[in-house]
Amino acid sequence: MAALRRTAAVSVVVISGLFLASCTSAAVSSARNACRHVTAGLALYSKSLHETGAQAQRDYQRAVNTILQGQSQAGLAATQDGSWNALQIGIEEVSRLPIKNEAAALTNVCRQAANGY
């Protein structure tokens, strides 16, 4: 009977580990999808810094909109694995704060996603 309990306990631990690993893998995939928008948006932001007038404003707004398109995937990643909350919050902050305030943090968290963390 004790052997059966140990076997059951080990099985639960293994199954839980596999479940968590699959969630983490799905979370990383969702984070990478969100980061595609972030990367494209940051490229537009960088472009807007070298422009003037209406063109700079248009590209800046396009950058904001592009980054914000990653919100749903970032939210999914954060739901699947709470360690991606920084990505979700960083993207949301772009709607309230200048991109320059979030660019470094978003770049770092997307680097983590690219490396599979």
Protein backbone atom coordinates (compact mmCIF):
# COMPACT_ATOMS: atom_id res chain seq x y z
CA MET A 1 0.00 0.00 0.00
CA ALA A 2 2.84 2.41 0.83
CA ALA A 3 4.48 1.66 -2.51
CA LEU A 4 1.22 2.47 -4.28
CA ARG A 5 1.01 5.82 -2.47
CA ARG A 6 4.60 6.68 -3.39
CA THR A 7 3.94 5.76 -7.00
CA ALA A 8 0.79 7.90 -7.02
CA ALA A 9 2.63 10.82 -5.42
CA VAL A 10 5.48 10.59 -7.93
CA SER A 11 2.97 10.41 -10.78
CA VAL A 12 1.23 13.56 -9.55
CA VAL A 13 4.56 15.41 -9.34
CA VAL A 14 5.59 14.30 -12.84
CA ILE A 15 2.23 15.18 -14.38
CA SER A 16 2.25 18.56 -12.62
CA GLY A 17 5.74 19.24 -13.92
CA LEU A 18 4.75 18.36 -17.46
CA PHE A 19 1.68 20.58 -17.20
CA LEU A 20 3.72 23.52 -15.91
CA ALA A 21 6.33 22.99 -18.62
CA SER A 22 3.66 23.07 -21.31
CA CYS A 23 2.18 26.26 -19.82
CA THR A 24 5.60 27.87 -19.73
CA SER A 25 6.23 26.88 -23.34
CA ALA A 26 2.87 28.33 -24.38
CA ALA A 27 3.60 31.46 -22.36
CA VAL A 28 6.95 31.95 -24.09
CA SER A 29 5.26 31.51 -27.46
CA SER A 30 2.63 34.11 -26.56
CA ALA A 31 5.32 36.47 -25.26
CA ARG A 32 7.27 36.09 -28.50
CA ASN A 33 4.14 36.92 -30.49
CA ALA A 34 3.62 40.05 -28.39
CA CYS A 35 7.26 40.97 -28.83
CA ARG A 36 6.92 40.92 -32.61
CA HIS A 37 4.60 43.91 -32.22
CA VAL A 38 6.91 45.52 -29.68
CA THR A 39 9.93 45.15 -31.96
CA ALA A 40 8.09 46.58 -34.96
CA GLY A 41 6.73 49.43 -32.83
CA LEU A 42 10.14 50.28 -31.41
CA ALA A 43 11.56 50.39 -34.94
CA LEU A 44 8.86 52.91 -35.89
CA TYR A 45 9.59 54.87 -32.74
CA SER A 46 13.29 54.98 -33.60
CA LYS A 47 12.39 56.15 -37.11
CA SER A 48 10.16 58.89 -35.68
CA LEU A 49 13.11 60.28 -33.70
CA HIS A 50 14.91 61.10 -36.95
CA GLU A 51 11.97 62.88 -38.53
CA THR A 52 10.29 66.19 -37.93
CA GLY A 53 6.81 67.63 -37.96
CA ALA A 54 3.77 65.70 -39.07
CA GLN A 55 5.76 62.70 -40.32
CA ALA A 56 7.40 62.27 -36.91
CA GLN A 57 4.01 62.47 -35.21
CA ARG A 58 2.46 59.95 -37.61
CA ASP A 59 5.29 57.44 -37.15
CA TYR A 60 5.22 57.90 -33.37
CA GLN A 61 1.49 57.20 -33.31
CA ARG A 62 1.97 54.20 -35.57
CA ALA A 63 4.64 52.99 -33.14
CA VAL A 64 2.24 53.28 -30.20
CA ASN A 65 -0.53 51.49 -32.11
CA THR A 66 1.82 48.73 -33.25
CA ILE A 67 3.09 48.08 -29.73
CA LEU A 68 -0.45 48.07 -28.36
CA GLN A 69 -1.39 45.36 -30.87
CA GLY A 70 0.68 43.01 -28.73
CA GLN A 71 -1.55 43.51 -25.68
CA SER A 72 -3.70 40.42 -26.11
CA GLN A 73 -0.72 38.10 -26.61
CA ALA A 74 1.10 39.69 -23.66
CA GLY A 75 -1.99 39.22 -21.51
CA LEU A 76 -2.19 35.60 -22.57
CA ALA A 77 1.48 35.08 -21.73
CA ALA A 78 0.99 36.67 -18.31
CA THR A 79 -2.05 34.49 -17.66
CA GLN A 80 -0.13 31.36 -18.61
CA ASP A 81 2.95 32.35 -16.59
CA GLY A 82 2.99 35.29 -14.20
CA SER A 83 6.62 36.05 -14.96
CA TRP A 84 5.40 37.75 -18.16
CA ASN A 85 3.45 40.40 -16.22
CA ALA A 86 6.23 42.88 -16.94
CA LEU A 87 5.61 42.48 -20.67
CA GLN A 88 1.89 42.99 -20.30
CA ILE A 89 2.28 46.02 -18.05
CA GLY A 90 5.01 47.54 -20.22
CA ILE A 91 2.82 47.33 -23.30
CA GLU A 92 -0.16 48.80 -21.45
CA GLU A 93 1.97 51.69 -20.18
CA VAL A 94 2.74 52.74 -23.75
CA SER A 95 -0.84 53.97 -24.00
CA ARG A 96 -0.22 56.34 -21.06
CA LEU A 97 3.48 57.16 -21.07
CA PRO A 98 5.98 58.15 -23.74
CA ILE A 99 7.56 55.16 -25.46
CA LYS A 100 10.98 56.36 -24.35
CA ASN A 101 9.96 55.55 -20.75
CA GLU A 102 9.18 51.93 -21.63
CA ALA A 103 11.58 51.18 -24.49
CA ALA A 104 14.44 49.74 -22.40
CA ALA A 105 12.17 47.57 -20.25
CA LEU A 106 10.28 46.24 -23.26
CA THR A 107 13.54 45.54 -25.08
CA ASN A 108 14.86 43.57 -22.10
CA VAL A 109 11.72 41.50 -21.57
CA CYS A 110 11.52 40.73 -25.29
CA ARG A 111 15.14 39.64 -25.22
CA GLN A 112 14.14 37.17 -22.50
CA ALA A 113 11.28 35.92 -24.67
CA ALA A 114 13.63 35.45 -27.61
CA ASN A 115 15.94 33.41 -25.39
CA GLY A 116 13.05 31.25 -24.17
CA TYR A 117 12.94 32.32 -20.51
